[in-house]
């Protein structure tokens, strides 16, 4: 009987010690170092206080390093415009090793696609066709009746790259008794610029690295 009680007591002690080791206060236990001495600890991006920010230069974006501050007395140039992102990347690659900092940016530009001579839209297709017959009766053959879209029932009388030619065409139709209008047609296109930062006393000449003749450089505020 005594041996059985002693056996049960030893089991109870083992269970108690095990529970203390698992659930007890571990504040006195030394924790292993998360990394080897001298190696910085890793942090999740969400733990970083500066996870978001503004744009970075092309150099910083490529290297992962923060943007370098522009030194006092530096001067900056904007080189372009480039028509495509591919041309812009080629320029950045050619210039990066020769400047203190570099970035590229996109702007929108309005480009003329020609000058349009036309008769304003008529209230109905029948009226537009009747006007077309009047043009034919006066010897005008190069016209087109717009049949759909925002300009439906407009009569196009020509699209000209040279505004002087467009004005002459308009005057011809006026002399025949019509009331044509003249409008410049435009489209919005992207264009790209490469901005570079240079030391104040730098003898940098971008022509050494970019051989294109259809671009130029202009001073800009440093970025």
N, C-alpha and C. Protein backbone atom coordinates (compact mmCIF):
# COMPACT_ATOMS: atom_id res chain seq x y z
N UNK A 1 0.83 -1.21 0.00
CA UNK A 1 0.00 0.00 0.00
C UNK A 1 0.87 1.25 0.00
N UNK A 2 1.89 1.25 0.85
CA UNK A 2 2.79 2.41 0.95
C UNK A 2 3.53 2.63 -0.37
N UNK A 3 3.96 1.55 -1.00
CA UNK A 3 4.69 1.66 -2.26
C UNK A 3 3.80 2.27 -3.35
N UNK A 4 2.51 1.88 -3.34
CA UNK A 4 1.58 2.42 -4.33
C UNK A 4 1.37 3.91 -4.15
N UNK A 5 1.24 4.35 -2.88
CA UNK A 5 1.07 5.78 -2.61
C UNK A 5 2.31 6.57 -3.04
N UNK A 6 3.49 6.00 -2.77
CA UNK A 6 4.73 6.68 -3.15
C UNK A 6 4.81 6.82 -4.66
N UNK A 7 4.37 5.78 -5.39
CA UNK A 7 4.40 5.82 -6.84
C UNK A 7 3.48 6.90 -7.40
N UNK A 8 2.28 7.01 -6.85
CA UNK A 8 1.33 8.03 -7.28
C UNK A 8 1.85 9.42 -6.98
N UNK A 9 2.55 9.60 -5.83
CA UNK A 9 3.10 10.90 -5.46
C UNK A 9 4.18 11.34 -6.45
N UNK A 10 5.03 10.38 -6.89
CA UNK A 10 6.08 10.72 -7.85
C UNK A 10 5.48 11.14 -9.20
N UNK A 11 4.39 10.49 -9.60
CA UNK A 11 3.73 10.85 -10.85
C UNK A 11 3.18 12.27 -10.76
N UNK A 12 2.56 12.61 -9.62
CA UNK A 12 1.99 13.94 -9.43
C UNK A 12 3.07 15.01 -9.47
N UNK A 13 4.24 14.71 -8.86
CA UNK A 13 5.35 15.67 -8.87
C UNK A 13 5.86 15.90 -10.30
N UNK A 14 5.97 14.84 -11.08
CA UNK A 14 6.45 14.98 -12.46
C UNK A 14 5.49 15.82 -13.30
N UNK A 15 4.19 15.58 -13.11
CA UNK A 15 3.21 16.36 -13.84
C UNK A 15 3.28 17.83 -13.45
N UNK A 16 3.47 18.10 -12.18
CA UNK A 16 3.56 19.49 -11.71
C UNK A 16 4.77 20.21 -12.26
N UNK A 17 5.92 19.53 -12.23
CA UNK A 17 7.13 20.14 -12.75
C UNK A 17 7.01 20.41 -14.25
N UNK A 18 6.43 19.46 -14.97
CA UNK A 18 6.24 19.65 -16.41
C UNK A 18 5.34 20.82 -16.72
N UNK A 19 4.24 20.97 -15.96
CA UNK A 19 3.33 22.09 -16.18
C UNK A 19 4.01 23.41 -15.89
N UNK A 20 4.85 23.44 -14.86
CA UNK A 20 5.55 24.70 -14.53
C UNK A 20 6.52 25.10 -15.64
N UNK A 21 7.20 24.06 -16.20
CA UNK A 21 8.15 24.37 -17.28
C UNK A 21 7.44 24.89 -18.53
N UNK A 22 6.25 24.36 -18.82
CA UNK A 22 5.54 24.76 -20.02
C UNK A 22 4.78 26.05 -19.83
N UNK A 23 4.08 26.19 -18.71
CA UNK A 23 3.17 27.31 -18.53
C UNK A 23 3.69 28.37 -17.57
N UNK A 24 4.78 28.10 -16.93
CA UNK A 24 5.26 29.01 -15.89
C UNK A 24 5.88 30.26 -16.47
N UNK A 25 6.26 31.23 -15.64
CA UNK A 25 6.88 32.50 -16.03
C UNK A 25 8.25 32.24 -16.58
N UNK A 26 8.45 32.57 -17.84
CA UNK A 26 9.75 32.34 -18.47
C UNK A 26 10.61 33.57 -18.50
N UNK A 27 10.28 34.59 -17.68
CA UNK A 27 11.01 35.85 -17.74
C UNK A 27 12.45 35.70 -17.31
N UNK A 28 12.75 34.66 -16.56
CA UNK A 28 14.13 34.51 -16.08
C UNK A 28 14.97 33.68 -17.01
N UNK A 29 14.29 33.09 -18.04
CA UNK A 29 15.07 32.28 -18.97
C UNK A 29 15.73 33.18 -20.00
N UNK A 30 16.96 32.93 -20.33
CA UNK A 30 17.65 33.73 -21.33
C UNK A 30 17.21 33.30 -22.71
N UNK A 31 16.84 34.28 -23.58
CA UNK A 31 16.39 34.00 -24.93
C UNK A 31 17.57 34.04 -25.88
N UNK A 32 17.62 33.16 -26.86
CA UNK A 32 18.73 33.19 -27.82
C UNK A 32 18.67 34.44 -28.67
N UNK A 33 19.81 34.92 -29.08
CA UNK A 33 19.87 36.11 -29.93
C UNK A 33 19.22 35.80 -31.27
N UNK A 34 18.39 36.73 -31.80
CA UNK A 34 17.71 36.47 -33.06
C UNK A 34 18.65 36.36 -34.24
N UNK A 35 19.81 36.99 -34.17
CA UNK A 35 20.79 36.91 -35.25
C UNK A 35 22.16 36.81 -34.64
N UNK A 36 23.14 36.55 -35.48
CA UNK A 36 24.52 36.53 -35.01
C UNK A 36 24.94 37.92 -34.62
N UNK A 37 25.90 38.06 -33.69
CA UNK A 37 26.38 39.39 -33.30
C UNK A 37 26.86 40.19 -34.49
N UNK A 38 26.44 41.47 -34.55
CA UNK A 38 26.87 42.35 -35.63
C UNK A 38 26.01 42.31 -36.86
N UNK A 39 25.03 41.38 -36.93
CA UNK A 39 24.15 41.29 -38.09
C UNK A 39 22.84 41.97 -37.75
N UNK A 40 22.40 42.99 -38.52
CA UNK A 40 21.16 43.70 -38.19
C UNK A 40 19.96 42.78 -38.33
N UNK A 41 19.00 43.01 -37.44
CA UNK A 41 17.78 42.19 -37.46
C UNK A 41 16.92 42.57 -38.65
N UNK A 42 16.15 41.59 -39.13
CA UNK A 42 15.23 41.81 -40.22
C UNK A 42 13.91 42.32 -39.68
N UNK A 43 13.25 43.20 -40.44
CA UNK A 43 11.96 43.73 -40.05
C UNK A 43 10.99 43.57 -41.20
N UNK A 44 9.75 43.26 -40.88
CA UNK A 44 8.72 43.27 -41.91
C UNK A 44 8.53 44.67 -42.43
N UNK A 45 8.14 44.80 -43.70
CA UNK A 45 7.90 46.12 -44.27
C UNK A 45 6.85 46.88 -43.50
N UNK A 46 5.82 46.15 -43.00
CA UNK A 46 4.75 46.81 -42.26
C UNK A 46 5.22 47.34 -40.92
N UNK A 47 6.38 46.85 -40.42
CA UNK A 47 6.90 47.34 -39.16
C UNK A 47 7.72 48.60 -39.32
N UNK A 48 8.07 48.93 -40.57
CA UNK A 48 8.90 50.10 -40.83
C UNK A 48 8.05 51.34 -40.84
N UNK A 49 8.48 52.36 -40.17
CA UNK A 49 7.72 53.60 -40.10
C UNK A 49 7.78 54.38 -41.38
N UNK A 50 8.74 54.12 -42.26
CA UNK A 50 8.89 54.91 -43.48
C UNK A 50 8.62 54.10 -44.72
N UNK A 51 7.58 53.27 -44.68
CA UNK A 51 7.32 52.39 -45.80
C UNK A 51 6.83 53.13 -47.02
N UNK A 52 6.19 54.28 -46.83
CA UNK A 52 5.66 55.02 -47.97
C UNK A 52 6.36 56.34 -48.11
N UNK A 53 6.38 56.87 -49.33
CA UNK A 53 7.04 58.15 -49.53
C UNK A 53 6.86 58.62 -50.95
N UNK A 54 7.56 59.69 -51.31
CA UNK A 54 7.42 60.26 -52.64
C UNK A 54 8.23 59.51 -53.65
N UNK A 55 8.32 60.10 -54.85
CA UNK A 55 9.04 59.45 -55.93
C UNK A 55 10.53 59.47 -55.67
N UNK A 56 11.23 58.60 -56.36
CA UNK A 56 12.67 58.52 -56.22
C UNK A 56 13.32 58.69 -57.57
N UNK A 57 14.59 58.97 -57.55
CA UNK A 57 15.31 59.14 -58.80
C UNK A 57 15.53 57.79 -59.45
N UNK A 58 15.92 57.82 -60.73
CA UNK A 58 16.18 56.57 -61.44
C UNK A 58 17.33 55.82 -60.79
N UNK A 59 18.37 56.53 -60.31
CA UNK A 59 19.50 55.89 -59.66
C UNK A 59 19.07 55.21 -58.39
N UNK A 60 18.27 55.90 -57.57
CA UNK A 60 17.83 55.34 -56.31
C UNK A 60 16.92 54.15 -56.54
N UNK A 61 16.06 54.25 -57.52
CA UNK A 61 15.13 53.16 -57.79
C UNK A 61 15.89 51.91 -58.22
N UNK A 62 16.96 52.11 -58.99
CA UNK A 62 17.71 50.96 -59.49
C UNK A 62 18.52 50.30 -58.38
N UNK A 63 19.05 51.07 -57.44
CA UNK A 63 19.94 50.53 -56.44
C UNK A 63 19.23 50.19 -55.14
N UNK A 64 18.02 50.70 -54.93
CA UNK A 64 17.33 50.50 -53.67
C UNK A 64 17.78 51.46 -52.60
N UNK A 65 18.70 52.36 -52.92
CA UNK A 65 19.20 53.32 -51.95
C UNK A 65 18.31 54.54 -51.91
N UNK A 66 18.31 55.26 -50.77
CA UNK A 66 17.51 56.49 -50.73
C UNK A 66 18.08 57.54 -51.66
N UNK A 67 17.22 58.44 -52.09
CA UNK A 67 17.65 59.50 -53.00
C UNK A 67 18.71 60.36 -52.34
N UNK A 68 19.76 60.66 -53.08
CA UNK A 68 20.85 61.47 -52.55
C UNK A 68 20.47 62.94 -52.52
N UNK A 69 20.75 63.62 -51.41
CA UNK A 69 20.41 65.05 -51.37
C UNK A 69 21.29 65.84 -52.33
N UNK A 70 20.69 66.83 -52.95
CA UNK A 70 21.44 67.69 -53.87
C UNK A 70 22.31 68.64 -53.07
N UNK A 71 23.61 68.69 -53.39
CA UNK A 71 24.53 69.54 -52.66
C UNK A 71 24.34 71.00 -53.04
N UNK A 72 24.68 71.86 -52.09
CA UNK A 72 24.59 73.30 -52.34
C UNK A 72 25.48 73.67 -53.52
N UNK A 73 24.96 74.52 -54.39
CA UNK A 73 25.71 74.94 -55.55
C UNK A 73 25.55 74.04 -56.76
N UNK A 74 24.80 72.96 -56.61
CA UNK A 74 24.58 72.08 -57.76
C UNK A 74 23.71 72.77 -58.80
N UNK A 75 23.81 72.32 -60.03
CA UNK A 75 22.93 72.81 -61.08
C UNK A 75 22.26 71.63 -61.74
N UNK A 76 21.09 71.86 -62.29
CA UNK A 76 20.33 70.76 -62.87
C UNK A 76 19.86 71.11 -64.28
N UNK A 77 19.81 70.10 -65.12
CA UNK A 77 19.37 70.25 -66.50
C UNK A 77 18.25 69.26 -66.77
N UNK A 78 17.38 69.64 -67.68
CA UNK A 78 16.36 68.73 -68.19
C UNK A 78 16.63 68.51 -69.67
N UNK A 79 16.77 67.24 -70.07
CA UNK A 79 17.16 66.88 -71.44
C UNK A 79 16.00 66.16 -72.11
N UNK A 80 15.65 66.59 -73.32
CA UNK A 80 14.55 65.94 -74.04
C UNK A 80 14.01 66.87 -75.12
N UNK A 81 12.79 66.65 -75.56
CA UNK A 81 11.93 65.54 -75.12
C UNK A 81 12.20 64.26 -75.90
N UNK A 82 11.88 63.12 -75.25
CA UNK A 82 11.94 61.81 -75.88
C UNK A 82 10.52 61.34 -76.15
N UNK A 83 10.34 60.67 -77.28
CA UNK A 83 9.00 60.27 -77.69
C UNK A 83 8.51 59.00 -77.02
N UNK A 84 9.44 58.11 -76.66
CA UNK A 84 9.04 56.81 -76.12
C UNK A 84 9.78 56.51 -74.82
N UNK A 85 9.21 55.59 -74.04
CA UNK A 85 9.87 55.16 -72.82
C UNK A 85 11.17 54.44 -73.12
N UNK A 86 11.23 53.74 -74.24
CA UNK A 86 12.45 53.03 -74.61
C UNK A 86 13.59 54.01 -74.85
N UNK A 87 13.32 55.10 -75.57
CA UNK A 87 14.34 56.12 -75.81
C UNK A 87 14.78 56.75 -74.49
N UNK A 88 13.83 56.94 -73.59
CA UNK A 88 14.13 57.54 -72.31
C UNK A 88 15.05 56.64 -71.49
N UNK A 89 14.76 55.35 -71.47
CA UNK A 89 15.61 54.41 -70.73
C UNK A 89 17.02 54.39 -71.30
N UNK A 90 17.13 54.44 -72.62
CA UNK A 90 18.47 54.46 -73.24
C UNK A 90 19.25 55.69 -72.78
N UNK A 91 18.57 56.84 -72.71
CA UNK A 91 19.24 58.06 -72.28
C UNK A 91 19.66 57.98 -70.83
N UNK A 92 18.78 57.46 -69.97
CA UNK A 92 19.11 57.31 -68.56
C UNK A 92 20.33 56.40 -68.40
N UNK A 93 20.35 55.28 -69.12
CA UNK A 93 21.48 54.36 -69.02
C UNK A 93 22.78 55.01 -69.49
N UNK A 94 22.69 55.87 -70.51
CA UNK A 94 23.90 56.50 -71.04
C UNK A 94 24.43 57.58 -70.11
N UNK A 95 23.56 58.22 -69.34
CA UNK A 95 23.96 59.38 -68.54
C UNK A 95 24.24 59.07 -67.08
N UNK A 96 23.68 57.99 -66.56
CA UNK A 96 23.69 57.75 -65.11
C UNK A 96 25.09 57.79 -64.51
N UNK A 97 26.07 57.19 -65.17
CA UNK A 97 27.42 57.10 -64.61
C UNK A 97 28.15 58.44 -64.61
N UNK A 98 27.60 59.46 -65.25
CA UNK A 98 28.33 60.71 -65.43
C UNK A 98 27.70 61.89 -64.69
N UNK A 99 26.66 61.65 -63.90
CA UNK A 99 25.97 62.74 -63.21
C UNK A 99 25.82 62.38 -61.73
N UNK A 100 25.55 63.41 -60.91
CA UNK A 100 25.38 63.18 -59.48
C UNK A 100 24.07 62.49 -59.17
N UNK A 101 23.02 62.84 -59.89
CA UNK A 101 21.72 62.20 -59.71
C UNK A 101 20.93 62.35 -60.99
N UNK A 102 19.94 61.49 -61.17
CA UNK A 102 19.18 61.49 -62.42
C UNK A 102 17.77 61.01 -62.16
N UNK A 103 16.83 61.54 -62.89
CA UNK A 103 15.46 61.07 -62.83
C UNK A 103 14.80 61.33 -64.20
N UNK A 104 13.70 60.66 -64.44
CA UNK A 104 12.95 60.95 -65.67
C UNK A 104 11.50 61.19 -65.31
N UNK A 105 10.81 61.91 -66.17
CA UNK A 105 9.42 62.27 -65.90
C UNK A 105 8.66 62.33 -67.21
N UNK A 106 7.35 62.20 -67.09
CA UNK A 106 6.47 62.26 -68.27
C UNK A 106 5.62 63.51 -68.21
N UNK A 107 5.48 64.16 -69.35
CA UNK A 107 4.59 65.30 -69.48
C UNK A 107 3.65 65.05 -70.65
N UNK A 108 2.57 65.82 -70.69
CA UNK A 108 1.62 65.73 -71.80
C UNK A 108 1.81 66.94 -72.70
N UNK A 109 1.84 66.70 -73.99
CA UNK A 109 2.00 67.78 -74.94
C UNK A 109 0.89 67.71 -75.98
N UNK A 110 0.46 68.87 -76.44
CA UNK A 110 -0.58 68.94 -77.46
C UNK A 110 0.08 69.15 -78.82
N UNK A 111 -0.24 68.29 -79.75
CA UNK A 111 0.38 68.33 -81.08
C UNK A 111 -0.69 68.53 -82.14
N UNK A 112 -0.42 69.42 -83.08
CA UNK A 112 -1.36 69.67 -84.17
C UNK A 112 -1.34 68.52 -85.17
N UNK A 113 -2.53 68.07 -85.57
CA UNK A 113 -2.62 67.03 -86.59
C UNK A 113 -3.14 67.58 -87.91
N UNK A 114 -3.35 68.88 -87.98
CA UNK A 114 -3.80 69.48 -89.24
C UNK A 114 -4.90 70.51 -89.02
N UNK A 115 -5.29 71.15 -90.13
CA UNK A 115 -6.33 72.17 -90.12
C UNK A 115 -7.50 71.68 -90.96
N UNK A 116 -8.67 71.70 -90.34
CA UNK A 116 -9.85 71.09 -90.95
C UNK A 116 -10.81 72.17 -91.46
N UNK A 117 -11.19 72.06 -92.72
CA UNK A 117 -12.20 72.94 -93.31
C UNK A 117 -13.49 72.13 -93.44
N UNK A 118 -14.60 72.67 -92.97
CA UNK A 118 -15.84 71.90 -92.96
C UNK A 118 -17.06 72.82 -92.90
N UNK A 119 -18.21 72.26 -93.28
CA UNK A 119 -19.49 72.91 -93.08
C UNK A 119 -20.11 72.32 -91.82
N UNK A 120 -20.56 73.14 -90.88
CA UNK A 120 -21.09 72.64 -89.61
C UNK A 120 -22.23 71.63 -89.83
N UNK A 121 -22.46 70.78 -88.85
CA UNK A 121 -23.48 69.74 -89.01
C UNK A 121 -24.87 70.31 -89.29
N UNK A 122 -25.55 69.68 -90.22
CA UNK A 122 -26.92 70.04 -90.57
C UNK A 122 -27.89 69.29 -89.65
N UNK A 123 -29.11 69.80 -89.49
CA UNK A 123 -30.05 69.16 -88.56
C UNK A 123 -30.40 67.72 -88.91
N UNK A 124 -30.36 67.35 -90.19
CA UNK A 124 -30.75 66.00 -90.59
C UNK A 124 -29.86 65.51 -91.73
N UNK A 125 -29.92 64.21 -91.97
CA UNK A 125 -29.11 63.65 -93.07
C UNK A 125 -29.63 64.15 -94.41
N UNK A 126 -30.92 64.26 -94.55
CA UNK A 126 -31.48 64.75 -95.80
C UNK A 126 -30.96 66.15 -96.12
N UNK A 127 -30.86 67.00 -95.11
CA UNK A 127 -30.35 68.36 -95.33
C UNK A 127 -28.87 68.33 -95.66
N UNK A 128 -28.14 67.42 -95.03
CA UNK A 128 -26.71 67.30 -95.33
C UNK A 128 -26.51 66.84 -96.78
N UNK A 129 -27.33 65.89 -97.23
CA UNK A 129 -27.20 65.42 -98.60
C UNK A 129 -27.61 66.51 -99.59
N UNK A 130 -28.60 67.31 -99.22
CA UNK A 130 -29.01 68.42 -100.09
C UNK A 130 -27.88 69.44 -100.21
N UNK A 131 -27.18 69.72 -99.10
CA UNK A 131 -26.04 70.64 -99.15
C UNK A 131 -24.93 70.06 -100.01
N UNK A 132 -24.73 68.74 -99.92
CA UNK A 132 -23.71 68.09 -100.75
C UNK A 132 -24.04 68.26 -102.24
N UNK A 133 -25.29 68.18 -102.59
CA UNK A 133 -25.67 68.37 -103.99
C UNK A 133 -25.40 69.80 -104.44
N UNK A 134 -25.61 70.75 -103.53
CA UNK A 134 -25.30 72.15 -103.86
C UNK A 134 -23.80 72.32 -104.12
N UNK A 135 -22.98 71.64 -103.30
CA UNK A 135 -21.54 71.70 -103.53
C UNK A 135 -21.18 71.14 -104.91
N UNK A 136 -21.77 70.01 -105.23
CA UNK A 136 -21.49 69.39 -106.53
C UNK A 136 -21.92 70.31 -107.67
N UNK A 137 -23.05 70.99 -107.49
CA UNK A 137 -23.54 71.90 -108.54
C UNK A 137 -22.59 73.06 -108.75
N UNK A 138 -21.82 73.41 -107.72
CA UNK A 138 -20.86 74.52 -107.84
C UNK A 138 -19.47 74.02 -108.25
N UNK A 139 -19.37 72.75 -108.59
CA UNK A 139 -18.09 72.22 -109.05
C UNK A 139 -17.19 71.69 -107.93
N UNK A 140 -17.71 71.58 -106.73
CA UNK A 140 -16.91 71.06 -105.61
C UNK A 140 -17.13 69.56 -105.53
N UNK A 141 -16.08 68.81 -105.68
CA UNK A 141 -16.22 67.36 -105.67
C UNK A 141 -15.51 66.69 -104.48
N UNK A 142 -14.49 67.36 -103.93
CA UNK A 142 -13.73 66.74 -102.84
C UNK A 142 -14.35 67.14 -101.50
N UNK A 143 -15.39 66.45 -101.14
CA UNK A 143 -16.05 66.65 -99.85
C UNK A 143 -16.50 65.29 -99.34
N UNK A 144 -16.88 65.25 -98.07
CA UNK A 144 -17.33 63.99 -97.48
C UNK A 144 -18.39 64.30 -96.43
N UNK A 145 -19.53 63.62 -96.53
CA UNK A 145 -20.61 63.78 -95.55
C UNK A 145 -20.39 62.79 -94.42
N UNK A 146 -20.19 63.30 -93.22
CA UNK A 146 -19.96 62.44 -92.05
C UNK A 146 -21.28 61.78 -91.68
N UNK A 147 -21.28 60.47 -91.57
CA UNK A 147 -22.54 59.72 -91.39
C UNK A 147 -22.76 59.22 -89.96
N UNK A 148 -21.77 59.35 -89.07
CA UNK A 148 -21.92 58.82 -87.71
C UNK A 148 -21.02 59.58 -86.75
N UNK A 149 -21.27 59.39 -85.47
CA UNK A 149 -20.42 59.98 -84.45
C UNK A 149 -20.84 61.38 -84.07
N UNK A 150 -19.96 62.04 -83.31
CA UNK A 150 -20.25 63.38 -82.80
C UNK A 150 -20.40 64.40 -83.92
N UNK A 151 -19.78 64.14 -85.07
CA UNK A 151 -19.82 65.07 -86.19
C UNK A 151 -20.80 64.64 -87.28
N UNK A 152 -21.79 63.85 -86.93
CA UNK A 152 -22.74 63.37 -87.92
C UNK A 152 -23.41 64.53 -88.65
N UNK A 153 -23.53 64.39 -89.97
CA UNK A 153 -24.13 65.39 -90.87
C UNK A 153 -23.26 66.62 -91.07
N UNK A 154 -22.01 66.56 -90.60
CA UNK A 154 -21.03 67.57 -90.97
C UNK A 154 -20.49 67.24 -92.36
N UNK A 155 -20.13 68.26 -93.12
CA UNK A 155 -19.55 68.03 -94.44
C UNK A 155 -18.09 68.46 -94.40
N UNK A 156 -17.22 67.48 -94.51
CA UNK A 156 -15.78 67.74 -94.48
C UNK A 156 -15.31 68.20 -95.84
N UNK A 157 -14.53 69.27 -95.85
CA UNK A 157 -14.05 69.85 -97.10
C UNK A 157 -12.53 69.77 -97.24
N UNK A 158 -11.88 69.06 -96.31
CA UNK A 158 -10.44 68.87 -96.43
C UNK A 158 -9.70 69.06 -95.12
N UNK A 159 -8.63 68.29 -94.95
CA UNK A 159 -7.73 68.40 -93.80
C UNK A 159 -6.35 68.73 -94.34
N UNK A 160 -5.75 69.83 -93.85
CA UNK A 160 -4.49 70.35 -94.38
C UNK A 160 -3.44 70.48 -93.28
N UNK A 161 -2.23 70.10 -93.63
CA UNK A 161 -1.13 70.28 -92.68
C UNK A 161 -0.68 71.75 -92.63
N UNK A 162 -0.77 72.43 -93.75
CA UNK A 162 -0.37 73.83 -93.83
C UNK A 162 -1.60 74.71 -93.59
N UNK A 163 -1.60 75.54 -92.56
CA UNK A 163 -2.77 76.39 -92.30
C UNK A 163 -3.06 77.37 -93.43
N UNK A 164 -2.03 77.80 -94.17
CA UNK A 164 -2.28 78.70 -95.30
C UNK A 164 -3.10 78.02 -96.39
N UNK A 165 -2.81 76.74 -96.65
CA UNK A 165 -3.60 76.00 -97.63
C UNK A 165 -5.04 75.83 -97.15
N UNK A 166 -5.20 75.63 -95.85
CA UNK A 166 -6.54 75.49 -95.30
C UNK A 166 -7.33 76.79 -95.45
N UNK A 167 -6.66 77.92 -95.23
CA UNK A 167 -7.35 79.21 -95.36
C UNK A 167 -7.74 79.49 -96.81
N UNK A 168 -6.88 79.09 -97.74
CA UNK A 168 -7.22 79.27 -99.16
C UNK A 168 -8.44 78.43 -99.54
N UNK A 169 -8.47 77.20 -99.03
CA UNK A 169 -9.62 76.35 -99.30
C UNK A 169 -10.90 76.95 -98.71
N UNK A 170 -10.79 77.46 -97.50
CA UNK A 170 -11.96 78.10 -96.88
C UNK A 170 -12.44 79.28 -97.70
N UNK A 171 -11.51 80.10 -98.18
CA UNK A 171 -11.90 81.27 -98.96
C UNK A 171 -12.55 80.87 -100.28
N UNK A 172 -12.07 79.80 -100.91
CA UNK A 172 -12.69 79.33 -102.15
C UNK A 172 -14.16 79.00 -101.94
N UNK A 173 -14.45 78.32 -100.81
CA UNK A 173 -15.84 77.95 -100.54
C UNK A 173 -16.69 79.16 -100.18
N UNK A 174 -16.08 80.14 -99.51
CA UNK A 174 -16.80 81.37 -99.20
C UNK A 174 -17.17 82.10 -100.49
N UNK A 175 -16.23 82.14 -101.43
CA UNK A 175 -16.49 82.80 -102.71
C UNK A 175 -17.62 82.13 -103.49
N UNK A 176 -17.84 80.86 -103.21
CA UNK A 176 -18.92 80.13 -103.89
C UNK A 176 -20.25 80.27 -103.15
N UNK A 177 -20.25 81.00 -102.06
CA UNK A 177 -21.50 81.25 -101.35
C UNK A 177 -21.75 80.36 -100.15
N UNK A 178 -20.77 79.57 -99.75
CA UNK A 178 -20.93 78.69 -98.58
C UNK A 178 -20.30 79.35 -97.35
N UNK A 179 -20.53 78.74 -96.20
CA UNK A 179 -20.00 79.30 -94.95
C UNK A 179 -19.16 78.24 -94.22
N UNK A 180 -18.04 77.89 -94.79
CA UNK A 180 -17.19 76.88 -94.15
C UNK A 180 -16.48 77.44 -92.92
N UNK A 181 -16.18 76.55 -92.00
CA UNK A 181 -15.42 76.92 -90.80
C UNK A 181 -14.06 76.25 -90.85
N UNK A 182 -13.13 76.82 -90.10
CA UNK A 182 -11.75 76.32 -90.06
C UNK A 182 -11.39 76.02 -88.60
N UNK A 183 -10.84 74.85 -88.39
CA UNK A 183 -10.50 74.44 -87.02
C UNK A 183 -9.21 73.64 -87.01
N UNK A 184 -8.34 73.97 -86.07
CA UNK A 184 -7.12 73.18 -85.91
C UNK A 184 -7.46 71.91 -85.12
N UNK A 185 -7.01 70.79 -85.61
CA UNK A 185 -7.23 69.52 -84.93
C UNK A 185 -5.94 69.13 -84.19
N UNK A 186 -6.10 68.73 -82.95
CA UNK A 186 -4.94 68.41 -82.11
C UNK A 186 -5.16 67.06 -81.42
N UNK A 187 -4.06 66.53 -80.92
CA UNK A 187 -4.12 65.33 -80.09
C UNK A 187 -3.10 65.49 -78.96
N UNK A 188 -3.38 64.86 -77.83
CA UNK A 188 -2.50 64.92 -76.67
C UNK A 188 -1.61 63.69 -76.64
N UNK A 189 -0.31 63.92 -76.57
CA UNK A 189 0.65 62.83 -76.61
C UNK A 189 1.60 62.95 -75.41
N UNK A 190 2.12 61.82 -74.93
CA UNK A 190 3.12 61.89 -73.85
C UNK A 190 4.50 62.21 -74.42
N UNK A 191 5.27 62.93 -73.64
CA UNK A 191 6.68 63.14 -73.96
C UNK A 191 7.47 62.99 -72.66
N UNK A 192 8.73 62.62 -72.79
CA UNK A 192 9.54 62.26 -71.62
C UNK A 192 10.79 63.14 -71.56
N UNK A 193 11.15 63.48 -70.32
CA UNK A 193 12.34 64.31 -70.07
C UNK A 193 13.22 63.62 -69.05
N UNK A 194 14.53 63.77 -69.22
CA UNK A 194 15.51 63.23 -68.28
C UNK A 194 16.16 64.41 -67.56
N UNK A 195 16.02 64.44 -66.22
CA UNK A 195 16.59 65.50 -65.41
C UNK A 195 17.87 64.99 -64.75
N UNK A 196 18.93 65.80 -64.82
CA UNK A 196 20.22 65.41 -64.22
C UNK A 196 20.68 66.51 -63.27
N UNK A 197 21.32 66.08 -62.18
CA UNK A 197 21.92 67.01 -61.21
C UNK A 197 23.43 66.94 -61.35
N UNK A 198 24.06 68.11 -61.37
CA UNK A 198 25.50 68.20 -61.61
C UNK A 198 26.16 69.07 -60.55
N UNK A 199 27.40 68.77 -60.19
CA UNK A 199 28.15 69.69 -59.32
C UNK A 199 28.30 71.05 -59.98
N UNK A 200 28.42 72.08 -59.17
CA UNK A 200 28.44 73.45 -59.69
C UNK A 200 29.57 73.66 -60.70
N UNK A 201 30.73 73.05 -60.48
CA UNK A 201 31.88 73.28 -61.35
C UNK A 201 32.07 72.16 -62.38
N UNK A 202 31.07 71.38 -62.60
CA UNK A 202 31.18 70.27 -63.54
C UNK A 202 31.27 70.77 -64.98
N UNK A 203 32.10 70.11 -65.80
CA UNK A 203 32.20 70.44 -67.22
C UNK A 203 31.39 69.45 -68.05
N UNK A 204 30.36 68.89 -67.46
CA UNK A 204 29.51 67.88 -68.10
C UNK A 204 28.92 68.41 -69.40
N UNK A 205 29.03 67.61 -70.45
CA UNK A 205 28.44 67.92 -71.75
C UNK A 205 27.63 66.71 -72.20
N UNK A 206 26.33 66.84 -72.14
CA UNK A 206 25.48 65.68 -72.43
C UNK A 206 25.61 65.21 -73.87
N UNK A 207 26.09 66.08 -74.78
CA UNK A 207 26.26 65.68 -76.18
C UNK A 207 27.26 64.53 -76.34
N UNK A 208 28.16 64.38 -75.36
CA UNK A 208 29.14 63.30 -75.45
C UNK A 208 28.48 61.93 -75.37
N UNK A 209 27.34 61.87 -74.69
CA UNK A 209 26.71 60.58 -74.40
C UNK A 209 25.41 60.37 -75.16
N UNK A 210 24.83 61.43 -75.67
CA UNK A 210 23.61 61.33 -76.45
C UNK A 210 23.86 61.97 -77.80
N UNK A 211 23.76 61.20 -78.85
CA UNK A 211 24.10 61.69 -80.19
C UNK A 211 22.89 62.20 -80.96
N UNK A 212 21.73 62.15 -80.38
CA UNK A 212 20.53 62.59 -81.09
C UNK A 212 20.57 64.11 -81.30
N UNK A 213 20.04 64.52 -82.44
CA UNK A 213 20.03 65.95 -82.76
C UNK A 213 18.65 66.59 -82.57
N UNK A 214 17.65 65.78 -82.22
CA UNK A 214 16.29 66.31 -82.09
C UNK A 214 15.89 66.58 -80.64
N UNK A 215 16.88 66.65 -79.73
CA UNK A 215 16.61 66.95 -78.33
C UNK A 215 17.48 68.12 -77.90
N UNK A 216 17.16 68.70 -76.77
CA UNK A 216 17.91 69.84 -76.25
C UNK A 216 17.92 69.77 -74.73
N UNK A 217 18.61 70.69 -74.11
CA UNK A 217 18.69 70.74 -72.65
C UNK A 217 18.35 72.15 -72.18
N UNK A 218 17.72 72.21 -71.03
CA UNK A 218 17.36 73.51 -70.45
C UNK A 218 17.55 73.45 -68.93
N UNK A 219 17.95 74.58 -68.32
CA UNK A 219 18.12 74.60 -66.86
C UNK A 219 16.77 74.42 -66.16
N UNK A 220 16.78 73.68 -65.06
CA UNK A 220 15.58 73.49 -64.25
C UNK A 220 15.95 73.55 -62.78
N UNK A 221 14.95 73.70 -61.92
CA UNK A 221 15.18 73.65 -60.48
C UNK A 221 15.62 72.24 -60.11
N UNK A 222 16.55 72.16 -59.18
CA UNK A 222 17.06 70.84 -58.80
C UNK A 222 16.00 70.06 -58.04
N UNK A 223 16.04 68.77 -58.17
CA UNK A 223 15.01 67.88 -57.63
C UNK A 223 15.52 67.16 -56.40
